[in-house]
Amino acid sequence: MSVTLEIPADVLAALPIPEKEREGYLLLEIACGLYGRDVLSLGKAAELAGLSKIAFGQEIGRRDIARHYTEAELEADLAYARGE
């Protein structure tokens, strides 16, 4: 399933973004917004934005969007780092 958004031409024209970059720009904005509201995981938001997890993580860092990272994830990462 996919969703098509209808954005009025005058709204698109108001974006100070080159036409060929608009789709990617809008997808990134949506992905960052949904991730920031804890609606999408980092992986799914990165997928929506068309970026790797690392690149998306760097982007949310530039935007000062807090990374969603639970204590359970920290414990799992520490155990992995210890070779457990």
PDB file of N, CA and C in Angstrom:
ATOM      1  N   MET A   1       0.836  -1.177   0.000  1.00  0.00           N
ATOM      2  CA  MET A   1       0.000   0.000   0.000  1.00  0.00           C
ATOM      3  C   MET A   1       0.880   1.239   0.000  1.00  0.00           C
ATOM      4  N   SER A   2       0.469   2.225  -0.705  1.00  0.00           N
ATOM      5  CA  SER A   2       1.169   3.503  -0.698  1.00  0.00           C
ATOM      6  C   SER A   2       0.134   4.617  -0.639  1.00  0.00           C
ATOM      7  N   VAL A   3       0.588   5.797  -0.282  1.00  0.00           N
ATOM      8  CA  VAL A   3      -0.280   6.960  -0.156  1.00  0.00           C
ATOM      9  C   VAL A   3       0.254   8.055  -1.064  1.00  0.00           C
ATOM     10  N   THR A   4      -0.623   8.703  -1.761  1.00  0.00           N
ATOM     11  CA  THR A   4      -0.253   9.838  -2.589  1.00  0.00           C
ATOM     12  C   THR A   4      -0.815  11.089  -1.943  1.00  0.00           C
ATOM     13  N   LEU A   5       0.040  12.060  -1.723  1.00  0.00           N
ATOM     14  CA  LEU A   5      -0.396  13.331  -1.148  1.00  0.00           C
ATOM     15  C   LEU A   5      -0.618  14.344  -2.258  1.00  0.00           C
ATOM     16  N   GLU A   6      -1.721  15.032  -2.189  1.00  0.00           N
ATOM     17  CA  GLU A   6      -2.011  16.098  -3.139  1.00  0.00           C
ATOM     18  C   GLU A   6      -1.603  17.418  -2.484  1.00  0.00           C
ATOM     19  N   ILE A   7      -0.583  18.041  -3.019  1.00  0.00           N
ATOM     20  CA  ILE A   7      -0.113  19.320  -2.504  1.00  0.00           C
ATOM     21  C   ILE A   7      -0.389  20.362  -3.573  1.00  0.00           C
ATOM     22  N   PRO A   8      -1.132  21.397  -3.215  1.00  0.00           N
ATOM     23  CA  PRO A   8      -1.481  22.412  -4.214  1.00  0.00           C
ATOM     24  C   PRO A   8      -0.235  23.002  -4.888  1.00  0.00           C
ATOM     25  N   ALA A   9      -0.361  23.269  -6.177  1.00  0.00           N
ATOM     26  CA  ALA A   9       0.763  23.784  -6.962  1.00  0.00           C
ATOM     27  C   ALA A   9       1.318  25.074  -6.379  1.00  0.00           C
ATOM     28  N   ASP A  10       0.445  25.947  -5.858  1.00  0.00           N
ATOM     29  CA  ASP A  10       0.949  27.208  -5.311  1.00  0.00           C
ATOM     30  C   ASP A  10       1.750  26.984  -4.035  1.00  0.00           C
ATOM     31  N   VAL A  11       1.418  25.930  -3.281  1.00  0.00           N
ATOM     32  CA  VAL A  11       2.194  25.606  -2.081  1.00  0.00           C
ATOM     33  C   VAL A  11       3.565  25.075  -2.498  1.00  0.00           C
ATOM     34  N   LEU A  12       3.582  24.174  -3.471  1.00  0.00           N
ATOM     35  CA  LEU A  12       4.863  23.660  -3.970  1.00  0.00           C
ATOM     36  C   LEU A  12       5.729  24.778  -4.534  1.00  0.00           C
ATOM     37  N   ALA A  13       5.112  25.682  -5.263  1.00  0.00           N
ATOM     38  CA  ALA A  13       5.858  26.793  -5.852  1.00  0.00           C
ATOM     39  C   ALA A  13       6.445  27.701  -4.781  1.00  0.00           C
ATOM     40  N   ALA A  14       5.819  27.739  -3.607  1.00  0.00           N
ATOM     41  CA  ALA A  14       6.304  28.588  -2.529  1.00  0.00           C
ATOM     42  C   ALA A  14       7.527  28.003  -1.823  1.00  0.00           C
ATOM     43  N   LEU A  15       7.791  26.711  -2.045  1.00  0.00           N
ATOM     44  CA  LEU A  15       8.959  26.086  -1.421  1.00  0.00           C
ATOM     45  C   LEU A  15      10.230  26.596  -2.085  1.00  0.00           C
ATOM     46  N   PRO A  16      11.171  27.077  -1.292  1.00  0.00           N
ATOM     47  CA  PRO A  16      12.430  27.553  -1.881  1.00  0.00           C
ATOM     48  C   PRO A  16      13.398  26.396  -2.140  1.00  0.00           C
ATOM     49  N   ILE A  17      12.885  25.351  -2.761  1.00  0.00           N
ATOM     50  CA  ILE A  17      13.635  24.129  -3.037  1.00  0.00           C
ATOM     51  C   ILE A  17      13.540  23.867  -4.536  1.00  0.00           C
ATOM     52  N   PRO A  18      14.659  23.528  -5.185  1.00  0.00           N
ATOM     53  CA  PRO A  18      14.572  23.184  -6.609  1.00  0.00           C
ATOM     54  C   PRO A  18      13.550  22.066  -6.838  1.00  0.00           C
ATOM     55  N   GLU A  19      12.818  22.156  -7.910  1.00  0.00           N
ATOM     56  CA  GLU A  19      11.729  21.218  -8.188  1.00  0.00           C
ATOM     57  C   GLU A  19      12.165  19.764  -8.102  1.00  0.00           C
ATOM     58  N   LYS A  20      13.342  19.441  -8.611  1.00  0.00           N
ATOM     59  CA  LYS A  20      13.794  18.045  -8.609  1.00  0.00           C
ATOM     60  C   LYS A  20      14.139  17.533  -7.209  1.00  0.00           C
ATOM     61  N   GLU A  21      14.290  18.419  -6.232  1.00  0.00           N
ATOM     62  CA  GLU A  21      14.633  18.021  -4.866  1.00  0.00           C
ATOM     63  C   GLU A  21      13.423  18.032  -3.922  1.00  0.00           C
ATOM     64  N   ARG A  22      12.276  18.484  -4.381  1.00  0.00           N
ATOM     65  CA  ARG A  22      11.116  18.668  -3.506  1.00  0.00           C
ATOM     66  C   ARG A  22      10.598  17.385  -2.900  1.00  0.00           C
ATOM     67  N   GLU A  23      10.481  16.334  -3.687  1.00  0.00           N
ATOM     68  CA  GLU A  23       9.940  15.090  -3.154  1.00  0.00           C
ATOM     69  C   GLU A  23      10.808  14.563  -2.012  1.00  0.00           C
ATOM     70  N   GLY A  24      12.106  14.501  -2.220  1.00  0.00           N
ATOM     71  CA  GLY A  24      13.016  14.040  -1.177  1.00  0.00           C
ATOM     72  C   GLY A  24      12.985  14.930   0.052  1.00  0.00           C
ATOM     73  N   TYR A  25      12.902  16.227  -0.186  1.00  0.00           N
ATOM     74  CA  TYR A  25      12.833  17.188   0.921  1.00  0.00           C
ATOM     75  C   TYR A  25      11.580  16.947   1.757  1.00  0.00           C
ATOM     76  N   LEU A  26      10.442  16.800   1.100  1.00  0.00           N
ATOM     77  CA  LEU A  26       9.184  16.592   1.811  1.00  0.00           C
ATOM     78  C   LEU A  26       9.163  15.251   2.545  1.00  0.00           C
ATOM     79  N   LEU A  27       9.694  14.216   1.924  1.00  0.00           N
ATOM     80  CA  LEU A  27       9.749  12.918   2.602  1.00  0.00           C
ATOM     81  C   LEU A  27      10.632  12.983   3.845  1.00  0.00           C
ATOM     82  N   LEU A  28      11.754  13.700   3.755  1.00  0.00           N
ATOM     83  CA  LEU A  28      12.629  13.858   4.912  1.00  0.00           C
ATOM     84  C   LEU A  28      11.927  14.627   6.023  1.00  0.00           C
ATOM     85  N   GLU A  29      11.218  15.683   5.660  1.00  0.00           N
ATOM     86  CA  GLU A  29      10.496  16.463   6.658  1.00  0.00           C
ATOM     87  C   GLU A  29       9.427  15.620   7.360  1.00  0.00           C
ATOM     88  N   ILE A  30       8.702  14.838   6.596  1.00  0.00           N
ATOM     89  CA  ILE A  30       7.672  13.977   7.176  1.00  0.00           C
ATOM     90  C   ILE A  30       8.317  12.930   8.086  1.00  0.00           C
ATOM     91  N   ALA A  31       9.385  12.309   7.612  1.00  0.00           N
ATOM     92  CA  ALA A  31      10.065  11.282   8.396  1.00  0.00           C
ATOM     93  C   ALA A  31      10.595  11.845   9.711  1.00  0.00           C
ATOM     94  N   CYS A  32      11.213  13.003   9.665  1.00  0.00           N
ATOM     95  CA  CYS A  32      11.743  13.619  10.889  1.00  0.00           C
ATOM     96  C   CYS A  32      10.614  13.982  11.849  1.00  0.00           C
ATOM     97  N   GLY A  33       9.536  14.505  11.330  1.00  0.00           N
ATOM     98  CA  GLY A  33       8.401  14.854  12.171  1.00  0.00           C
ATOM     99  C   GLY A  33       7.784  13.647  12.844  1.00  0.00           C
ATOM    100  N   LEU A  34       7.610  12.574  12.089  1.00  0.00           N
ATOM    101  CA  LEU A  34       7.016  11.359  12.658  1.00  0.00           C
ATOM    102  C   LEU A  34       7.955  10.692  13.655  1.00  0.00           C
ATOM    103  N   TYR A  35       9.246  10.706  13.367  1.00  0.00           N
ATOM    104  CA  TYR A  35      10.205  10.140  14.308  1.00  0.00           C
ATOM    105  C   TYR A  35      10.235  10.992  15.582  1.00  0.00           C
ATOM    106  N   GLY A  36      10.264  12.294  15.427  1.00  0.00           N
ATOM    107  CA  GLY A  36      10.314  13.198  16.575  1.00  0.00           C
ATOM    108  C   GLY A  36       9.110  13.059  17.490  1.00  0.00           C
ATOM    109  N   ARG A  37       7.985  12.644  16.933  1.00  0.00           N
ATOM    110  CA  ARG A  37       6.761  12.441  17.719  1.00  0.00           C
ATOM    111  C   ARG A  37       6.623  10.989  18.187  1.00  0.00           C
ATOM    112  N   ASP A  38       7.670  10.193  17.940  1.00  0.00           N
ATOM    113  CA  ASP A  38       7.704   8.787  18.351  1.00  0.00           C
ATOM    114  C   ASP A  38       6.614   7.966  17.681  1.00  0.00           C
ATOM    115  N   VAL A  39       6.277   8.341  16.440  1.00  0.00           N
ATOM    116  CA  VAL A  39       5.292   7.598  15.658  1.00  0.00           C
ATOM    117  C   VAL A  39       5.987   6.516  14.827  1.00  0.00           C
ATOM    118  N   LEU A  40       7.186   6.813  14.330  1.00  0.00           N
ATOM    119  CA  LEU A  40       7.971   5.853  13.555  1.00  0.00           C
ATOM    120  C   LEU A  40       9.287   5.568  14.267  1.00  0.00           C
ATOM    121  N   SER A  41       9.756   4.343  14.112  1.00  0.00           N
ATOM    122  CA  SER A  41      11.084   3.982  14.618  1.00  0.00           C
ATOM    123  C   SER A  41      12.142   4.648  13.748  1.00  0.00           C
ATOM    124  N   LEU A  42      13.372   4.644  14.234  1.00  0.00           N
ATOM    125  CA  LEU A  42      14.461   5.224  13.460  1.00  0.00           C
ATOM    126  C   LEU A  42      14.594   4.517  12.113  1.00  0.00           C
ATOM    127  N   GLY A  43      14.507   3.192  12.120  1.00  0.00           N
ATOM    128  CA  GLY A  43      14.650   2.436  10.873  1.00  0.00           C
ATOM    129  C   GLY A  43      13.568   2.740   9.860  1.00  0.00           C
ATOM    130  N   LYS A  44      12.322   2.802  10.323  1.00  0.00           N
ATOM    131  CA  LYS A  44      11.211   3.082   9.412  1.00  0.00           C
ATOM    132  C   LYS A  44      11.247   4.532   8.941  1.00  0.00           C
ATOM    133  N   ALA A  45      11.618   5.448   9.822  1.00  0.00           N
ATOM    134  CA  ALA A  45      11.724   6.852   9.410  1.00  0.00           C
ATOM    135  C   ALA A  45      12.844   7.021   8.386  1.00  0.00           C
ATOM    136  N   ALA A  46      13.956   6.334   8.600  1.00  0.00           N
ATOM    137  CA  ALA A  46      15.059   6.379   7.640  1.00  0.00           C
ATOM    138  C   ALA A  46      14.613   5.831   6.290  1.00  0.00           C
ATOM    139  N   GLU A  47      13.862   4.741   6.327  1.00  0.00           N
ATOM    140  CA  GLU A  47      13.341   4.140   5.091  1.00  0.00           C
ATOM    141  C   GLU A  47      12.432   5.128   4.359  1.00  0.00           C
ATOM    142  N   LEU A  48      11.541   5.783   5.099  1.00  0.00           N
ATOM    143  CA  LEU A  48      10.645   6.768   4.486  1.00  0.00           C
ATOM    144  C   LEU A  48      11.437   7.905   3.848  1.00  0.00           C
ATOM    145  N   ALA A  49      12.486   8.339   4.525  1.00  0.00           N
ATOM    146  CA  ALA A  49      13.309   9.445   4.015  1.00  0.00           C
ATOM    147  C   ALA A  49      14.240   9.015   2.890  1.00  0.00           C
ATOM    148  N   GLY A  50      14.387   7.697   2.688  1.00  0.00           N
ATOM    149  CA  GLY A  50      15.295   7.206   1.657  1.00  0.00           C
ATOM    150  C   GLY A  50      16.748   7.323   2.064  1.00  0.00           C
ATOM    151  N   LEU A  51      17.017   7.238   3.378  1.00  0.00           N
ATOM    152  CA  LEU A  51      18.377   7.362   3.901  1.00  0.00           C
ATOM    153  C   LEU A  51      18.757   6.099   4.661  1.00  0.00           C
ATOM    154  N   SER A  52      20.049   5.912   4.855  1.00  0.00           N
ATOM    155  CA  SER A  52      20.505   4.844   5.739  1.00  0.00           C
ATOM    156  C   SER A  52      20.188   5.255   7.176  1.00  0.00           C
ATOM    157  N   LYS A  53      20.212   4.289   8.089  1.00  0.00           N
ATOM    158  CA  LYS A  53      19.969   4.614   9.492  1.00  0.00           C
ATOM    159  C   LYS A  53      21.018   5.597  10.009  1.00  0.00           C
ATOM    160  N   ILE A  54      22.251   5.412   9.585  1.00  0.00           N
ATOM    161  CA  ILE A  54      23.326   6.309  10.028  1.00  0.00           C
ATOM    162  C   ILE A  54      23.072   7.725   9.525  1.00  0.00           C
ATOM    163  N   ALA A  55      22.760   7.869   8.239  1.00  0.00           N
ATOM    164  CA  ALA A  55      22.516   9.196   7.671  1.00  0.00           C
ATOM    165  C   ALA A  55      21.292   9.853   8.312  1.00  0.00           C
ATOM    166  N   PHE A  56      20.250   9.064   8.567  1.00  0.00           N
ATOM    167  CA  PHE A  56      19.061   9.627   9.206  1.00  0.00           C
ATOM    168  C   PHE A  56      19.381  10.036  10.640  1.00  0.00           C
ATOM    169  N   GLY A  57      20.151   9.213  11.339  1.00  0.00           N
ATOM    170  CA  GLY A  57      20.572   9.562  12.689  1.00  0.00           C
ATOM    171  C   GLY A  57      21.354  10.860  12.721  1.00  0.00           C
ATOM    172  N   GLN A  58      22.208  11.063  11.736  1.00  0.00           N
ATOM    173  CA  GLN A  58      22.961  12.319  11.646  1.00  0.00           C
ATOM    174  C   GLN A  58      22.019  13.493  11.381  1.00  0.00           C
ATOM    175  N   GLU A  59      21.016  13.266  10.547  1.00  0.00           N
ATOM    176  CA  GLU A  59      20.051  14.327  10.232  1.00  0.00           C
ATOM    177  C   GLU A  59      19.243  14.720  11.464  1.00  0.00           C
ATOM    178  N   ILE A  60      18.753  13.748  12.217  1.00  0.00           N
ATOM    179  CA  ILE A  60      17.982  14.121  13.409  1.00  0.00           C
ATOM    180  C   ILE A  60      18.881  14.790  14.437  1.00  0.00           C
ATOM    181  N   GLY A  61      20.161  14.427  14.452  1.00  0.00           N
ATOM    182  CA  GLY A  61      21.116  15.109  15.334  1.00  0.00           C
ATOM    183  C   GLY A  61      21.275  16.568  14.959  1.00  0.00           C
ATOM    184  N   ARG A  62      21.384  16.846  13.655  1.00  0.00           N
ATOM    185  CA  ARG A  62      21.495  18.241  13.192  1.00  0.00           C
ATOM    186  C   ARG A  62      20.260  19.051  13.556  1.00  0.00           C
ATOM    187  N   ARG A  63      19.137  18.372  13.644  1.00  0.00           N
ATOM    188  CA  ARG A  63      17.873  19.048  13.954  1.00  0.00           C
ATOM    189  C   ARG A  63      17.558  19.060  15.457  1.00  0.00           C
ATOM    190  N   ASP A  64      18.458  18.547  16.252  1.00  0.00           N
ATOM    191  CA  ASP A  64      18.263  18.462  17.710  1.00  0.00           C
ATOM    192  C   ASP A  64      17.013  17.674  18.088  1.00  0.00           C
ATOM    193  N   ILE A  65      16.737  16.624  17.322  1.00  0.00           N
ATOM    194  CA  ILE A  65      15.633  15.721  17.651  1.00  0.00           C
ATOM    195  C   ILE A  65      16.222  14.615  18.517  1.00  0.00           C
ATOM    196  N   ALA A  66      15.648  14.442  19.701  1.00  0.00           N
ATOM    197  CA  ALA A  66      16.163  13.447  20.639  1.00  0.00           C
ATOM    198  C   ALA A  66      16.035  12.041  20.066  1.00  0.00           C
ATOM    199  N   ARG A  67      17.070  11.259  20.254  1.00  0.00           N
ATOM    200  CA  ARG A  67      17.067   9.868  19.813  1.00  0.00           C
ATOM    201  C   ARG A  67      16.259   9.046  20.796  1.00  0.00           C
ATOM    202  N   HIS A  68      15.383   8.203  20.320  1.00  0.00           N
ATOM    203  CA  HIS A  68      14.581   7.333  21.166  1.00  0.00           C
ATOM    204  C   HIS A  68      15.419   6.102  21.486  1.00  0.00           C
ATOM    205  N   TYR A  69      15.821   6.008  22.737  1.00  0.00           N
ATOM    206  CA  TYR A  69      16.729   4.937  23.129  1.00  0.00           C
ATOM    207  C   TYR A  69      16.372   4.531  24.547  1.00  0.00           C
ATOM    208  N   THR A  70      15.835   3.345  24.706  1.00  0.00           N
ATOM    209  CA  THR A  70      15.365   2.893  26.010  1.00  0.00           C
ATOM    210  C   THR A  70      16.504   2.267  26.818  1.00  0.00           C
ATOM    211  N   GLU A  71      16.261   2.100  28.106  1.00  0.00           N
ATOM    212  CA  GLU A  71      17.241   1.423  28.962  1.00  0.00           C
ATOM    213  C   GLU A  71      17.451  -0.015  28.511  1.00  0.00           C
ATOM    214  N   ALA A  72      16.387  -0.669  28.059  1.00  0.00           N
ATOM    215  CA  ALA A  72      16.504  -2.046  27.572  1.00  0.00           C
ATOM    216  C   ALA A  72      17.419  -2.117  26.356  1.00  0.00           C
ATOM    217  N   GLU A  73      17.301  -1.140  25.456  1.00  0.00           N
ATOM    218  CA  GLU A  73      18.181  -1.100  24.280  1.00  0.00           C
ATOM    219  C   GLU A  73      19.628  -0.851  24.698  1.00  0.00           C
ATOM    220  N   LEU A  74      19.816   0.017  25.687  1.00  0.00           N
ATOM    221  CA  LEU A  74      21.168   0.276  26.197  1.00  0.00           C
ATOM    222  C   LEU A  74      21.768  -1.000  26.778  1.00  0.00           C
ATOM    223  N   GLU A  75      21.007  -1.698  27.593  1.00  0.00           N
ATOM    224  CA  GLU A  75      21.497  -2.944  28.186  1.00  0.00           C
ATOM    225  C   GLU A  75      21.847  -3.964  27.112  1.00  0.00           C
ATOM    226  N   ALA A  76      21.009  -4.080  26.105  1.00  0.00           N
ATOM    227  CA  ALA A  76      21.279  -5.021  25.007  1.00  0.00           C
ATOM    228  C   ALA A  76      22.550  -4.625  24.266  1.00  0.00           C
ATOM    229  N   ASP A  77      22.735  -3.340  24.008  1.00  0.00           N
ATOM    230  CA  ASP A  77      23.948  -2.868  23.327  1.00  0.00           C
ATOM    231  C   ASP A  77      25.185  -3.104  24.179  1.00  0.00           C
ATOM    232  N   LEU A  78      25.097  -2.873  25.480  1.00  0.00           N
ATOM    233  CA  LEU A  78      26.241  -3.104  26.355  1.00  0.00           C
ATOM    234  C   LEU A  78      26.585  -4.595  26.420  1.00  0.00           C
ATOM    235  N   ALA A  79      25.566  -5.439  26.480  1.00  0.00           N
ATOM    236  CA  ALA A  79      25.802  -6.884  26.487  1.00  0.00           C
ATOM    237  C   ALA A  79      26.468  -7.314  25.189  1.00  0.00           C
ATOM    238  N   TYR A  80      26.011  -6.775  24.082  1.00  0.00           N
ATOM    239  CA  TYR A  80      26.624  -7.099  22.781  1.00  0.00           C
ATOM    240  C   TYR A  80      28.083  -6.657  22.747  1.00  0.00           C
ATOM    241  N   ALA A  81      28.353  -5.454  23.274  1.00  0.00           N
ATOM    242  CA  ALA A  81      29.711  -4.927  23.283  1.00  0.00           C
ATOM    243  C   ALA A  81      30.624  -5.791  24.154  1.00  0.00           C
ATOM    244  N   ARG A  82      30.061  -6.381  25.197  1.00  0.00           N
ATOM    245  CA  ARG A  82      30.843  -7.259  26.080  1.00  0.00           C
ATOM    246  C   ARG A  82      30.975  -8.668  25.484  1.00  0.00           C
ATOM    247  N   GLY A  83      30.315  -8.919  24.385  1.00  0.00           N
ATOM    248  CA  GLY A  83      30.391 -10.237  23.743  1.00  0.00           C
ATOM    249  C   GLY A  83      29.437 -11.246  24.328  1.00  0.00           C
ATOM    250  N   GLU A  84      28.425 -10.755  24.998  1.00  0.00           N
ATOM    251  CA  GLU A  84      27.436 -11.650  25.636  1.00  0.00           C
ATOM    252  C   GLU A  84      26.294 -11.970  24.705  1.00  0.00           C
TER     253      GLU A  84
END
